[in-house]
């Protein structure tokens, strides 16, 4: 039961962070069709999970309950893959094929790159 609570509490924090950052980015960008909020949140979430998993593997950090809180809870609440799918579908459905592909491919490529960079940074510490 402790791990369920930790995942839920972490999910609350991650979701609140996502909501706050997404709102700030929406105000910053103004109008436009490209889903920059989801893009930035997914790429930064990938960078953080790469960094934390690198620390976990090289330093033995984030075991048990801490890992549940951070990886499943906070980062699970923060990242937005289902939103990526929905926004990409909307762009494609609305005939904005270029923006849809740019968003999906960009988040995938930059997300994987961010995980690699985060892991590499953790291993350099």
Protein backbone atom coordinates (compact mmCIF):
# COMPACT_ATOMS: atom_id res chain seq x y z
CA UNK A 1 0.00 0.00 0.00
CA UNK A 2 2.94 2.33 0.68
CA UNK A 3 4.08 2.13 -2.94
CA UNK A 4 0.59 2.90 -4.22
CA UNK A 5 0.51 6.01 -2.05
CA UNK A 6 4.00 7.04 -3.20
CA UNK A 7 3.11 6.58 -6.87
CA UNK A 8 -0.07 8.62 -6.36
CA UNK A 9 1.66 11.40 -4.44
CA UNK A 10 4.42 11.57 -7.03
CA UNK A 11 1.84 11.55 -9.80
CA UNK A 12 0.12 14.52 -8.18
CA UNK A 13 3.39 16.46 -8.09
CA UNK A 14 4.31 15.53 -11.65
CA UNK A 15 0.84 16.42 -12.95
CA UNK A 16 0.88 19.74 -11.10
CA UNK A 17 4.30 20.52 -12.56
CA UNK A 18 3.09 19.57 -16.03
CA UNK A 19 0.01 21.76 -15.64
CA UNK A 20 2.03 24.75 -14.45
CA UNK A 21 4.75 24.46 -17.09
CA UNK A 22 2.22 23.77 -19.83
CA UNK A 23 0.26 26.88 -18.89
CA UNK A 24 3.39 29.00 -18.81
CA UNK A 25 4.51 27.70 -22.21
CA UNK A 26 1.05 28.31 -23.69
CA UNK A 27 1.14 31.93 -22.53
CA UNK A 28 4.70 32.29 -23.81
CA UNK A 29 4.00 30.94 -27.28
CA UNK A 30 0.74 32.80 -27.82
CA UNK A 31 -1.18 31.53 -30.81
CA UNK A 32 -0.02 28.78 -33.10
CA UNK A 33 -0.83 25.21 -33.98
CA UNK A 34 2.37 23.45 -32.94
CA UNK A 35 1.92 21.74 -29.51
CA UNK A 36 5.08 23.19 -27.94
CA UNK A 37 3.82 22.44 -24.43
CA UNK A 38 3.65 18.69 -24.97
CA UNK A 39 6.88 18.78 -26.95
CA UNK A 40 8.89 20.51 -24.20
CA UNK A 41 7.35 18.44 -21.41
CA UNK A 42 8.04 15.11 -23.14
CA UNK A 43 11.63 16.01 -24.05
CA UNK A 44 12.47 17.37 -20.58
CA UNK A 45 10.81 14.34 -18.98
CA UNK A 46 13.01 12.10 -21.11
CA UNK A 47 16.11 14.06 -20.09
CA UNK A 48 15.26 13.74 -16.40
CA UNK A 49 14.43 10.03 -16.56
CA UNK A 50 17.67 9.40 -18.46
CA UNK A 51 19.64 11.29 -15.83
CA UNK A 52 17.93 9.63 -12.86
CA UNK A 53 18.15 6.14 -14.35
CA UNK A 54 21.83 6.73 -15.07
CA UNK A 55 22.35 7.66 -11.43
CA UNK A 56 20.32 4.65 -10.36
CA UNK A 57 22.40 2.26 -12.42
CA UNK A 58 25.85 3.73 -11.72
CA UNK A 59 25.42 4.84 -8.11
CA UNK A 60 22.72 2.50 -6.84
CA UNK A 61 20.41 5.42 -6.10
CA UNK A 62 16.63 5.48 -6.19
CA UNK A 63 15.81 1.99 -4.98
CA UNK A 64 12.43 0.65 -3.92
CA UNK A 65 9.95 3.28 -2.72
CA UNK A 66 12.04 6.23 -3.93
CA UNK A 67 12.13 4.81 -7.43
CA UNK A 68 8.35 4.28 -7.40
CA UNK A 69 7.81 7.87 -6.26
CA UNK A 70 10.16 9.43 -8.83
CA UNK A 71 9.91 7.19 -11.89
CA UNK A 72 6.32 6.00 -11.80
CA UNK A 73 4.79 8.85 -9.83
CA UNK A 74 6.48 12.15 -10.62
CA UNK A 75 7.71 11.38 -14.13
CA UNK A 76 4.63 9.34 -15.00
CA UNK A 77 2.44 12.30 -14.02
CA UNK A 78 4.71 14.81 -15.72
CA UNK A 79 5.20 13.28 -19.16
CA UNK A 80 2.42 13.38 -21.67
CA UNK A 81 2.63 10.58 -24.19
CA UNK A 82 -1.14 10.11 -24.43
CA UNK A 83 -1.45 13.84 -25.11
CA UNK A 84 1.19 13.51 -27.83
CA UNK A 85 -0.94 10.85 -29.52
CA UNK A 86 -4.12 12.89 -29.25
CA UNK A 87 -2.56 16.16 -30.47
CA UNK A 88 -0.84 14.40 -33.37
CA UNK A 89 -4.15 12.76 -34.31
CA UNK A 90 -5.88 16.17 -34.25
CA UNK A 91 -3.22 17.75 -36.44
CA UNK A 92 -3.39 14.89 -38.95
CA UNK A 93 -7.19 14.85 -38.92
CA UNK A 94 -7.20 18.61 -39.55
CA UNK A 95 -4.94 18.20 -42.57
CA UNK A 96 -1.81 19.58 -40.90
CA UNK A 97 0.34 16.61 -41.86
CA UNK A 98 3.65 18.49 -41.67
CA UNK A 99 3.08 19.79 -38.14
CA UNK A 100 1.78 16.41 -37.01
CA UNK A 101 4.84 14.59 -38.27
CA UNK A 102 7.21 17.27 -36.97
CA UNK A 103 5.70 17.01 -33.51
CA UNK A 104 5.64 13.21 -33.34
CA UNK A 105 9.04 12.61 -34.95
CA UNK A 106 10.66 15.51 -33.11
CA UNK A 107 9.47 14.33 -29.72
CA UNK A 108 10.53 10.78 -30.45
CA UNK A 109 14.01 11.68 -31.71
CA UNK A 110 14.64 14.45 -29.17
CA UNK A 111 13.12 12.33 -26.40
CA UNK A 112 15.48 9.44 -27.06
CA UNK A 113 18.37 11.86 -27.41
CA UNK A 114 17.42 13.49 -24.11
CA UNK A 115 17.33 10.10 -22.34
CA UNK A 116 20.81 9.36 -23.73
CA UNK A 117 22.12 12.80 -22.69
CA UNK A 118 20.65 12.47 -19.21
CA UNK A 119 22.17 9.03 -18.77
CA UNK A 120 25.53 10.24 -20.10
CA UNK A 121 25.51 13.22 -17.73
CA UNK A 122 24.74 10.99 -14.76
CA UNK A 123 27.57 8.63 -15.68
CA UNK A 124 30.02 11.55 -15.84
CA UNK A 125 29.31 12.55 -12.24
